[in-house]
N, C-alpha and C. Protein backbone atom coordinates (compact mmCIF):
# COMPACT_ATOMS: atom_id res chain seq x y z
N UNK A 1 123.57 79.58 121.15
CA UNK A 1 122.47 80.71 120.50
C UNK A 1 122.87 81.94 120.99
N UNK A 2 122.67 82.86 120.22
CA UNK A 2 123.20 84.50 120.43
C UNK A 2 122.56 84.95 121.47
N UNK A 3 122.83 85.93 122.30
CA UNK A 3 121.96 86.52 123.37
C UNK A 3 121.17 87.41 122.43
N UNK A 4 120.29 88.21 123.37
CA UNK A 4 119.15 89.07 122.83
C UNK A 4 119.86 90.08 122.18
N UNK A 5 120.81 90.58 123.07
CA UNK A 5 121.24 92.03 122.83
C UNK A 5 122.23 91.73 121.66
N UNK A 6 122.98 90.72 121.18
CA UNK A 6 123.84 90.48 120.06
C UNK A 6 122.88 90.05 118.91
N UNK A 7 121.83 89.76 119.01
CA UNK A 7 120.74 89.89 117.82
C UNK A 7 120.13 90.81 117.39
N UNK A 8 119.63 91.71 118.76
CA UNK A 8 119.18 92.66 118.25
C UNK A 8 120.03 93.93 117.55
N UNK A 9 121.36 93.83 118.21
CA UNK A 9 122.44 94.72 117.51
C UNK A 9 122.52 94.31 115.78
N UNK A 10 122.81 93.10 115.71
CA UNK A 10 122.93 92.67 114.50
C UNK A 10 121.94 93.06 113.58
N UNK A 11 120.75 92.55 113.79
CA UNK A 11 119.39 92.86 112.98
C UNK A 11 119.05 94.35 112.62
N UNK A 12 119.34 95.04 113.52
CA UNK A 12 119.33 96.74 113.56
C UNK A 12 120.32 97.29 112.66
N UNK A 13 121.36 96.70 112.91
CA UNK A 13 122.51 97.19 112.00
C UNK A 13 121.80 97.15 110.32
N UNK A 14 121.56 95.85 109.90
CA UNK A 14 120.90 95.64 108.76
C UNK A 14 119.79 96.42 108.33
N UNK A 15 118.91 96.48 109.42
CA UNK A 15 117.57 97.23 109.02
C UNK A 15 118.37 98.74 108.79
N UNK A 16 118.89 99.23 109.68
CA UNK A 16 119.38 100.74 109.32
C UNK A 16 120.10 100.81 108.20
N UNK A 17 120.40 99.91 107.51
CA UNK A 17 121.58 99.67 106.31
C UNK A 17 120.75 99.84 105.04
N UNK A 18 119.63 99.32 105.08
CA UNK A 18 118.72 99.31 104.01
C UNK A 18 118.53 100.43 103.25
N UNK A 19 118.65 100.47 101.95
CA UNK A 19 118.74 101.84 101.11
C UNK A 19 117.20 102.04 101.14
N UNK A 20 116.93 103.61 101.25
CA UNK A 20 115.69 104.46 101.45
C UNK A 20 114.69 103.83 100.15
N UNK A 21 114.98 103.62 98.96
CA UNK A 21 113.94 103.10 97.94
C UNK A 21 113.47 101.92 98.23
N UNK A 22 114.16 101.11 98.81
CA UNK A 22 114.14 99.66 98.96
C UNK A 22 112.98 99.71 100.68
N UNK A 23 113.66 100.43 100.80
CA UNK A 23 112.78 100.54 102.58
C UNK A 23 111.28 100.97 102.33
N UNK A 24 111.15 102.30 101.37
CA UNK A 24 109.93 102.56 100.88
C UNK A 24 109.23 101.74 100.25
N UNK A 25 109.64 100.88 99.22
CA UNK A 25 108.84 100.07 98.78
C UNK A 25 108.35 99.01 99.59
N UNK A 26 109.16 98.54 100.65
CA UNK A 26 108.85 97.65 101.41
C UNK A 26 107.70 97.91 102.56
N UNK A 27 107.54 99.26 102.92
CA UNK A 27 106.91 99.73 103.47
C UNK A 27 105.50 99.84 103.02
N UNK A 28 105.55 100.28 101.61
CA UNK A 28 104.45 100.31 101.11
C UNK A 28 103.59 98.90 101.02
N UNK A 29 104.26 98.04 100.98
CA UNK A 29 103.62 96.69 100.83
C UNK A 29 103.17 96.19 102.15
N UNK A 30 103.99 96.52 103.42
CA UNK A 30 103.52 96.11 104.63
C UNK A 30 102.30 96.94 104.82
N UNK A 31 101.89 98.17 104.48
CA UNK A 31 100.87 98.79 104.73
C UNK A 31 99.62 98.22 103.92
N UNK A 32 99.79 98.27 102.86
CA UNK A 32 98.96 97.41 101.93
C UNK A 32 98.49 95.76 102.74
N UNK A 33 99.32 95.18 103.09
CA UNK A 33 99.23 94.10 103.78
C UNK A 33 98.31 94.16 105.08
N UNK A 34 98.40 95.36 105.89
CA UNK A 34 97.87 95.62 107.21
C UNK A 34 96.52 95.68 106.95
N UNK A 35 96.24 96.87 105.62
CA UNK A 35 94.89 97.50 105.36
C UNK A 35 94.03 96.66 105.05
N UNK A 36 94.55 95.14 104.37
CA UNK A 36 93.91 94.41 103.87
C UNK A 36 93.34 93.24 104.89
N UNK A 37 94.04 93.33 105.96
CA UNK A 37 93.89 92.29 107.06
C UNK A 37 92.85 92.45 107.82
N UNK A 38 91.83 91.50 108.31
CA UNK A 38 90.36 91.54 108.79
C UNK A 38 90.73 92.21 110.10
N UNK A 39 91.75 91.89 111.01
CA UNK A 39 91.98 92.41 112.12
C UNK A 39 92.06 94.08 112.05
N UNK A 40 92.72 94.63 110.90
CA UNK A 40 92.72 95.86 110.83
C UNK A 40 91.19 96.49 110.51
N UNK A 41 90.70 95.92 108.99
CA UNK A 41 89.43 96.23 108.93
C UNK A 41 88.22 96.44 109.99
N UNK A 42 88.40 95.29 110.74
CA UNK A 42 86.87 95.44 111.64
C UNK A 42 87.24 96.33 112.88
N UNK A 43 88.71 96.91 113.23
CA UNK A 43 89.16 97.45 114.25
C UNK A 43 88.46 98.99 114.26
N UNK A 44 87.78 99.24 115.51
CA UNK A 44 87.10 100.50 115.34
C UNK A 44 88.53 101.56 116.14
N UNK A 45 89.16 101.12 117.00
CA UNK A 45 90.57 101.73 117.56
C UNK A 45 91.33 101.33 116.90
N UNK A 46 92.77 101.92 117.01
CA UNK A 46 93.76 101.51 116.52
C UNK A 46 95.27 102.10 117.52
N UNK A 47 95.95 101.20 118.43
CA UNK A 47 96.77 101.83 118.75
C UNK A 47 98.18 101.60 118.25
N UNK A 48 98.69 102.46 117.98
CA UNK A 48 100.05 102.36 117.29
C UNK A 48 101.11 103.27 117.55
N UNK A 49 102.11 102.44 117.44
CA UNK A 49 103.56 103.12 117.33
C UNK A 49 103.72 104.44 116.64
N UNK A 50 104.53 105.56 116.52
CA UNK A 50 104.72 106.33 115.62
C UNK A 50 106.16 105.99 114.92
N UNK A 51 106.27 105.53 113.81
CA UNK A 51 107.62 105.09 113.48
C UNK A 51 108.71 106.06 113.53
N UNK A 52 109.92 105.40 113.89
CA UNK A 52 111.04 106.02 114.22
C UNK A 52 112.15 105.60 113.23
N UNK A 53 112.80 106.65 112.93
CA UNK A 53 114.13 106.12 112.38
C UNK A 53 113.66 104.76 111.09
N UNK A 54 114.51 103.96 111.24
CA UNK A 54 114.27 102.79 109.93
C UNK A 54 113.10 101.87 110.46
N UNK A 55 112.22 102.19 111.82
CA UNK A 55 111.11 101.07 111.67
C UNK A 55 110.10 100.95 110.49
N UNK A 56 109.56 99.88 110.46
CA UNK A 56 108.57 99.75 109.60
C UNK A 56 107.57 100.98 109.59
N UNK A 57 107.03 101.48 108.84
CA UNK A 57 106.42 103.06 108.71
C UNK A 57 104.87 102.77 109.00
N UNK A 58 104.51 103.58 110.15
CA UNK A 58 103.16 103.57 110.63
C UNK A 58 102.21 104.86 110.10
N UNK A 59 103.07 105.84 109.55
CA UNK A 59 102.43 107.16 109.35
C UNK A 59 101.38 107.20 108.32
N UNK A 60 101.70 106.25 107.10
CA UNK A 60 100.79 106.02 106.14
C UNK A 60 99.28 105.21 106.95
N UNK A 61 99.70 104.37 108.14
CA UNK A 61 98.49 103.97 108.41
C UNK A 61 97.88 104.57 109.49
N UNK A 62 98.34 105.14 109.93
CA UNK A 62 97.59 106.17 111.01
C UNK A 62 96.68 107.29 110.08
N UNK A 63 97.37 108.00 108.94
CA UNK A 63 96.50 108.70 108.34
C UNK A 63 95.44 108.03 107.61
N UNK A 64 95.44 106.82 107.21
CA UNK A 64 94.21 105.77 106.59
C UNK A 64 93.35 105.63 107.83
N UNK A 65 93.91 105.28 108.97
CA UNK A 65 92.75 104.94 109.97
C UNK A 65 92.13 106.06 110.19
N UNK A 66 92.59 107.18 110.39
CA UNK A 66 91.99 108.48 110.72
C UNK A 66 91.08 108.85 109.55
N UNK A 67 91.49 108.68 108.39
CA UNK A 67 90.56 108.98 107.35
C UNK A 67 89.21 108.13 107.24
N UNK A 68 89.39 106.78 107.99
CA UNK A 68 88.34 105.80 108.00
C UNK A 68 87.69 105.83 109.19
N UNK A 69 87.31 106.84 110.06
CA UNK A 69 86.96 106.67 111.47
C UNK A 69 87.11 105.92 112.47
N UNK A 70 88.42 105.44 112.12
CA UNK A 70 89.13 104.71 113.28
C UNK A 70 89.48 105.82 114.37
N UNK A 71 89.29 105.35 115.90
CA UNK A 71 89.86 106.17 116.78
C UNK A 71 91.28 105.64 116.70
N UNK A 72 92.34 106.75 116.57
CA UNK A 72 93.85 106.25 116.79
C UNK A 72 94.63 106.48 118.23
N UNK A 73 95.01 105.82 118.66
CA UNK A 73 96.03 105.98 119.99
C UNK A 73 97.33 105.98 119.61
N UNK A 74 98.14 106.76 120.21
CA UNK A 74 99.73 106.66 120.04
C UNK A 74 100.20 106.62 121.77
N UNK A 75 101.29 105.98 121.58
CA UNK A 75 101.91 105.80 123.04
C UNK A 75 102.95 106.95 123.63
N UNK A 76 102.48 107.40 124.63
CA UNK A 76 103.43 108.36 125.55
C UNK A 76 104.37 107.40 126.57
N UNK A 77 105.49 107.71 126.76
CA UNK A 77 106.61 107.02 127.68
C UNK A 77 106.51 107.96 128.80
N UNK A 78 106.60 107.42 130.04
CA UNK A 78 106.70 108.31 131.33
C UNK A 78 107.46 107.36 132.25
N UNK A 79 108.67 107.74 132.50
CA UNK A 79 109.13 106.60 133.47
C UNK A 79 109.40 105.36 132.73
N UNK A 80 109.12 104.68 133.36
CA UNK A 80 109.21 103.02 133.16
C UNK A 80 107.76 102.36 132.48
N UNK A 81 107.06 103.31 132.49
CA UNK A 81 105.29 102.99 132.14
C UNK A 81 105.06 103.74 130.42
N UNK A 82 103.79 103.18 129.87
CA UNK A 82 103.53 103.71 128.88
C UNK A 82 102.04 104.05 128.50
N UNK A 83 101.52 104.86 128.03
CA UNK A 83 100.02 105.00 127.89
C UNK A 83 99.84 105.48 126.47
N UNK A 84 98.57 105.25 125.99
CA UNK A 84 98.19 105.63 124.47
C UNK A 84 97.24 106.73 124.96
N UNK A 85 97.23 107.40 124.01
CA UNK A 85 96.54 108.72 124.07
C UNK A 85 95.66 108.93 122.48
N UNK A 86 94.70 109.55 122.40
CA UNK A 86 93.86 109.50 121.39
C UNK A 86 94.39 110.78 120.34
N UNK A 87 94.75 110.55 119.17
CA UNK A 87 95.01 112.14 118.38
C UNK A 87 94.03 112.19 117.53
N UNK A 88 93.92 113.28 116.98
CA UNK A 88 92.67 113.70 115.72
C UNK A 88 93.55 113.66 114.26
N UNK A 89 95.03 114.02 114.36
CA UNK A 89 95.78 114.15 113.33
C UNK A 89 97.31 113.83 113.75
N UNK A 90 98.08 113.84 112.63
CA UNK A 90 99.32 113.92 113.01
C UNK A 90 99.88 115.17 113.77
N UNK A 91 99.07 116.11 113.54
CA UNK A 91 99.46 117.54 114.01
C UNK A 91 99.70 117.41 115.79
N UNK A 92 98.82 116.41 116.13
CA UNK A 92 98.90 116.22 117.72
C UNK A 92 99.97 115.55 118.12
N UNK A 93 100.97 115.39 117.44
CA UNK A 93 102.06 114.46 117.83
C UNK A 93 103.13 115.70 117.85
N UNK A 94 104.30 115.70 118.99
CA UNK A 94 105.54 116.02 119.01
C UNK A 94 106.58 115.34 119.55
N UNK A 95 107.82 116.00 119.45
CA UNK A 95 108.93 114.97 119.65
C UNK A 95 108.72 114.90 121.12
N UNK A 96 108.98 113.52 121.63
CA UNK A 96 109.10 112.91 122.98
C UNK A 96 110.63 112.48 123.38
N UNK A 97 110.11 111.40 124.30
CA UNK A 97 111.11 110.18 124.46
C UNK A 97 111.98 109.60 123.32
N UNK A 98 113.25 109.92 123.57
CA UNK A 98 114.66 109.72 122.84
C UNK A 98 113.89 110.25 121.46
N UNK A 99 113.08 111.20 121.20
CA UNK A 99 112.99 112.07 119.95
C UNK A 99 111.83 111.30 119.32
N UNK A 100 111.09 110.28 119.65
CA UNK A 100 109.85 109.74 119.31
C UNK A 100 108.69 110.69 119.30
N UNK A 101 108.12 110.68 118.27
CA UNK A 101 106.87 111.68 118.28
C UNK A 101 105.92 110.74 119.23
N UNK A 102 105.30 111.81 120.15
CA UNK A 102 104.06 111.13 121.08
C UNK A 102 102.94 112.36 120.73
N UNK A 103 101.72 111.88 121.54
CA UNK A 103 100.89 112.65 121.72
C UNK A 103 101.24 114.01 122.42
N UNK A 104 100.75 115.07 122.09
CA UNK A 104 100.77 116.26 122.67
C UNK A 104 99.48 116.56 123.65
N UNK A 105 98.43 116.24 123.52
CA UNK A 105 97.50 116.39 124.36
C UNK A 105 97.34 115.08 125.23
N UNK A 106 97.72 115.41 126.61
CA UNK A 106 98.07 113.69 127.13
C UNK A 106 96.87 113.90 128.47
N UNK A 107 95.81 114.51 128.39
CA UNK A 107 94.55 114.27 129.50
C UNK A 107 94.07 113.05 129.54
N UNK A 108 93.95 112.86 130.74
CA UNK A 108 93.34 111.70 131.20
C UNK A 108 91.69 111.07 130.31
N UNK A 109 90.97 112.29 129.56
CA UNK A 109 89.82 111.73 128.77
C UNK A 109 90.17 111.22 127.43
N UNK A 110 91.49 111.39 127.01
CA UNK A 110 92.28 111.25 125.83
C UNK A 110 92.83 109.72 126.01
N UNK A 111 93.12 109.24 127.04
CA UNK A 111 93.63 108.17 127.33
C UNK A 111 92.94 106.77 127.19
N UNK A 112 93.50 105.64 126.03
CA UNK A 112 92.74 104.40 126.04
C UNK A 112 92.26 103.67 127.27
N UNK A 113 91.29 103.55 127.00
CA UNK A 113 90.73 102.55 128.26
C UNK A 113 90.09 101.23 127.42
N UNK A 114 90.57 100.15 128.38
CA UNK A 114 90.05 98.86 127.59
C UNK A 114 88.65 98.75 127.76
N UNK A 115 88.10 97.66 127.28
CA UNK A 115 86.46 97.52 127.77
C UNK A 115 85.43 97.32 126.52
N UNK A 116 86.28 97.84 125.52
CA UNK A 116 85.54 96.95 124.11
C UNK A 116 85.58 95.59 123.75
N UNK A 117 84.57 95.15 123.11
CA UNK A 117 85.02 93.61 122.88
C UNK A 117 86.17 93.43 122.07
N UNK A 118 86.58 92.08 122.41
CA UNK A 118 87.86 91.59 121.78
C UNK A 118 87.46 91.73 120.30
N UNK A 119 88.63 91.87 119.70
CA UNK A 119 88.75 92.05 118.20
C UNK A 119 88.61 93.54 117.70
N UNK A 120 88.03 94.53 118.51
CA UNK A 120 87.59 95.68 118.05
C UNK A 120 89.05 96.45 118.62
N UNK A 121 89.94 96.35 119.24
CA UNK A 121 90.81 97.16 119.36
C UNK A 121 92.00 96.66 118.96
N UNK A 122 92.66 97.41 117.80
CA UNK A 122 93.97 96.55 117.21
C UNK A 122 95.26 97.35 117.60
N UNK A 123 96.55 96.65 118.15
CA UNK A 123 97.64 97.44 118.26
C UNK A 123 98.60 97.00 117.81
N UNK A 124 99.52 97.95 117.11
CA UNK A 124 100.51 97.86 116.06
C UNK A 124 101.76 97.89 117.12
N UNK A 125 102.64 97.04 116.94
CA UNK A 125 103.65 96.80 118.10
C UNK A 125 105.02 96.79 117.10
N UNK A 126 105.79 97.59 117.78
CA UNK A 126 107.18 97.89 117.16
C UNK A 126 107.99 96.28 117.36
N UNK A 127 109.27 96.32 116.95
CA UNK A 127 110.26 95.41 117.61
C UNK A 127 111.40 95.45 116.76
N UNK A 128 112.43 94.45 117.21
CA UNK A 128 113.86 94.79 116.63
C UNK A 128 113.93 93.53 115.97
N UNK A 129 113.55 92.39 116.47
CA UNK A 129 113.60 91.13 115.71
C UNK A 129 112.67 90.30 115.90
N UNK A 130 111.78 89.33 115.18
CA UNK A 130 111.10 88.33 115.73
C UNK A 130 111.31 87.06 115.11
N UNK A 131 110.68 85.99 115.64
CA UNK A 131 111.15 84.71 114.80
C UNK A 131 109.55 84.21 114.27
N UNK A 132 109.71 82.99 113.53
CA UNK A 132 108.55 82.52 112.72
C UNK A 132 107.15 82.10 113.77
N UNK A 133 107.60 81.93 114.88
CA UNK A 133 106.76 81.62 116.11
C UNK A 133 106.08 82.84 116.52
N UNK A 134 106.46 84.12 116.10
CA UNK A 134 105.89 85.40 116.56
C UNK A 134 106.61 85.82 118.13
N UNK A 135 107.47 84.92 118.28
CA UNK A 135 108.52 85.49 119.48
C UNK A 135 109.07 86.92 119.14
N UNK A 136 109.32 87.93 120.08
CA UNK A 136 109.74 89.22 119.76
C UNK A 136 110.71 89.52 120.70
N UNK A 137 112.04 90.30 120.28
CA UNK A 137 112.83 90.96 120.91
C UNK A 137 112.15 92.35 120.55
N UNK A 138 112.28 93.17 121.55
CA UNK A 138 112.07 94.72 121.54
C UNK A 138 113.22 95.10 121.37
N UNK A 139 113.35 96.72 122.01
CA UNK A 139 114.22 97.45 121.86
C UNK A 139 114.92 97.25 123.84
N UNK A 140 114.48 96.65 124.44
CA UNK A 140 115.07 96.41 125.64
C UNK A 140 114.44 97.12 126.79
N UNK A 141 113.35 97.93 126.82
CA UNK A 141 112.78 98.81 127.73
C UNK A 141 111.36 98.06 128.38
N UNK A 142 111.36 96.96 127.73
CA UNK A 142 110.10 96.14 128.09
C UNK A 142 108.62 97.13 128.26
N UNK A 143 108.31 98.04 127.55
CA UNK A 143 107.38 98.89 127.84
C UNK A 143 106.18 98.21 127.20
N UNK A 144 106.18 97.69 126.02
CA UNK A 144 104.91 96.49 125.61
C UNK A 144 104.82 95.57 126.77
N UNK A 145 105.73 94.84 126.88
CA UNK A 145 105.20 93.70 127.84
C UNK A 145 104.55 94.12 129.18
N UNK A 146 105.04 95.41 129.54
CA UNK A 146 104.45 95.80 130.68
C UNK A 146 103.03 95.81 130.52
N UNK A 147 102.82 97.00 129.42
CA UNK A 147 101.63 97.33 128.92
C UNK A 147 100.53 96.36 128.59
N UNK A 148 100.96 95.04 128.00
CA UNK A 148 99.96 94.08 127.55
C UNK A 148 99.78 93.10 128.95
N UNK A 149 100.68 93.36 129.91
CA UNK A 149 100.37 92.82 131.10
C UNK A 149 98.86 93.09 131.83
N UNK A 150 98.34 94.08 131.67
CA UNK A 150 97.38 94.89 132.30
C UNK A 150 96.15 95.42 131.48
N UNK A 151 96.76 95.30 130.34
CA UNK A 151 95.68 95.86 129.23
C UNK A 151 95.33 94.64 128.22
N UNK A 152 94.28 93.93 128.45
CA UNK A 152 93.85 92.37 127.81
C UNK A 152 93.05 93.20 126.34
N UNK A 153 92.41 92.02 125.88
CA UNK A 153 91.39 92.64 124.76
C UNK A 153 92.00 92.90 123.86
N UNK A 154 93.13 93.21 123.51
CA UNK A 154 93.83 93.85 122.28
C UNK A 154 94.05 92.61 121.19
N UNK A 155 93.99 92.79 120.00
CA UNK A 155 94.58 91.98 119.21
C UNK A 155 96.03 92.98 118.62
N UNK A 156 96.78 91.94 119.03
CA UNK A 156 98.47 92.73 118.57
C UNK A 156 99.01 92.44 117.48
N UNK A 157 99.51 93.49 116.22
CA UNK A 157 99.83 92.87 115.15
C UNK A 157 101.30 93.93 115.38
N UNK A 158 102.39 93.33 114.99
CA UNK A 158 103.64 93.42 115.00
C UNK A 158 104.02 94.05 113.62
N UNK A 159 104.56 94.99 113.40
CA UNK A 159 104.83 95.19 111.73
C UNK A 159 106.63 95.27 111.93
N UNK A 160 107.02 94.54 111.10
CA UNK A 160 108.57 94.74 110.92
C UNK A 160 109.08 94.16 109.09
N UNK A 161 110.14 94.25 108.93
CA UNK A 161 110.82 93.97 107.41
C UNK A 161 110.96 92.60 107.54
N UNK A 162 111.01 91.58 106.46
CA UNK A 162 111.48 90.28 106.79
C UNK A 162 112.62 89.88 106.87
N UNK A 163 113.98 90.88 106.71
CA UNK A 163 115.05 90.57 107.24
C UNK A 163 115.21 90.62 108.65
N UNK A 164 114.04 91.09 109.62
CA UNK A 164 113.71 91.18 110.87
C UNK A 164 113.37 89.85 111.55
N UNK A 165 113.20 88.93 110.61
CA UNK A 165 112.56 87.44 110.85
C UNK A 165 113.34 86.63 110.88
N UNK A 166 113.92 86.22 112.16
CA UNK A 166 114.91 84.72 112.28
C UNK A 166 114.34 83.70 112.42
N UNK A 167 114.76 82.75 112.16
CA UNK A 167 114.61 81.14 112.35
C UNK A 167 113.79 81.02 113.67
N UNK A 168 114.64 81.52 114.75
CA UNK A 168 114.14 81.14 115.96
C UNK A 168 115.01 82.02 117.00
N UNK A 169 114.55 82.57 117.70
CA UNK A 169 115.31 83.87 118.71
C UNK A 169 114.74 83.17 120.24
N UNK A 170 115.75 83.65 121.26
CA UNK A 170 115.59 83.40 122.55
C UNK A 170 114.61 84.15 123.25
N UNK A 171 114.00 83.52 124.44
CA UNK A 171 112.59 84.29 124.75
C UNK A 171 112.88 83.97 126.33
N UNK A 172 112.32 84.81 127.06
CA UNK A 172 112.01 84.77 128.47
C UNK A 172 110.48 84.95 129.00
N UNK A 173 109.98 84.49 129.92
CA UNK A 173 108.96 84.30 130.19
C UNK A 173 108.03 85.19 130.45
N UNK A 174 108.50 86.61 130.67
CA UNK A 174 107.81 88.03 131.02
C UNK A 174 107.57 88.60 129.27
N UNK A 175 108.43 87.84 128.12
CA UNK A 175 108.02 88.48 126.77
C UNK A 175 106.48 88.26 126.53
N UNK A 176 106.06 89.32 125.65
CA UNK A 176 104.68 89.07 125.38
C UNK A 176 105.03 88.80 123.68
N UNK A 177 104.49 88.25 122.81
CA UNK A 177 104.41 87.91 121.69
C UNK A 177 102.99 88.33 120.92
N UNK A 178 103.15 89.08 119.90
CA UNK A 178 102.18 89.39 119.19
C UNK A 178 101.35 88.12 118.48
N UNK A 179 99.64 88.64 118.09
CA UNK A 179 99.30 87.64 117.57
C UNK A 179 99.41 87.43 115.96
N UNK A 180 100.07 88.47 115.41
CA UNK A 180 100.45 88.57 114.08
C UNK A 180 101.60 89.43 113.80
N UNK A 181 102.56 88.69 112.91
CA UNK A 181 103.32 89.58 112.75
C UNK A 181 103.44 89.94 111.23
N UNK A 182 103.30 91.16 110.70
CA UNK A 182 103.19 91.66 109.22
C UNK A 182 104.44 91.63 108.50
N UNK A 183 105.22 91.33 107.34
CA UNK A 183 106.20 91.88 106.93
C UNK A 183 105.75 92.34 105.55
N UNK A 184 106.71 92.79 104.41
CA UNK A 184 106.48 93.00 103.22
C UNK A 184 105.85 91.67 102.51
N UNK A 185 106.53 90.64 102.91
CA UNK A 185 106.32 89.48 102.24
C UNK A 185 105.28 88.35 102.91
N UNK A 186 105.06 88.31 104.11
CA UNK A 186 104.29 87.30 104.68
C UNK A 186 103.39 87.64 106.03
N UNK A 187 102.65 87.22 106.33
CA UNK A 187 101.95 87.51 107.48
C UNK A 187 101.94 85.99 108.64
N UNK A 188 102.71 86.04 109.76
CA UNK A 188 102.90 84.82 110.41
C UNK A 188 101.55 85.00 111.77
N UNK A 189 100.88 84.09 111.78
CA UNK A 189 99.86 84.34 112.59
C UNK A 189 99.60 83.20 114.19
N UNK A 190 99.21 83.77 114.51
CA UNK A 190 98.56 82.57 115.93
C UNK A 190 97.66 81.41 115.34
N UNK A 191 98.24 80.28 115.39
CA UNK A 191 97.37 79.20 115.32
C UNK A 191 96.46 78.82 116.64
N UNK A 192 96.12 79.35 117.19
CA UNK A 192 95.15 78.96 118.37
C UNK A 192 96.30 78.98 120.11
N UNK A 193 97.05 79.64 119.73
CA UNK A 193 98.09 79.03 120.81
C UNK A 193 97.84 80.50 122.12
């Protein structure tokens, strides 16, 4: 079996090479699937990555969530840790770690705190590669794995293009897999594992 690094490199090269028109259409379909999903509809709080380069787009979902009264939180990386801070609009974002847009206002009062009932907090997670069992290869930093070790009570939904879903990928003990993976074609969901 290929190593995680080789699989990541191969799949990200394919994703980066996708024509813009095709990516735009796939992003539209992914957003529609997310907005129709019960986990999104019932979520009062949305913790979401801010899409970067060729990642599955979240900007439409951020806008939709804000317009529909959901509390929206985006990540800020500091060293090896990541926290989510509430934004009121996309104007609250600025260029941060590796050029990825992050919340500008990062005071403690705006930080996400767990404690709301299960199912009311939805996290949208990025990734480079997934498989049909929802295993995930991230970007190599381990930020989401570490965050999810200490922040429970979140329903985790990963967004990607179908081309990023492989039959089977290698996993490690510390890897956290999402409850749901949404592509432009499918929704891969937990069957109670």
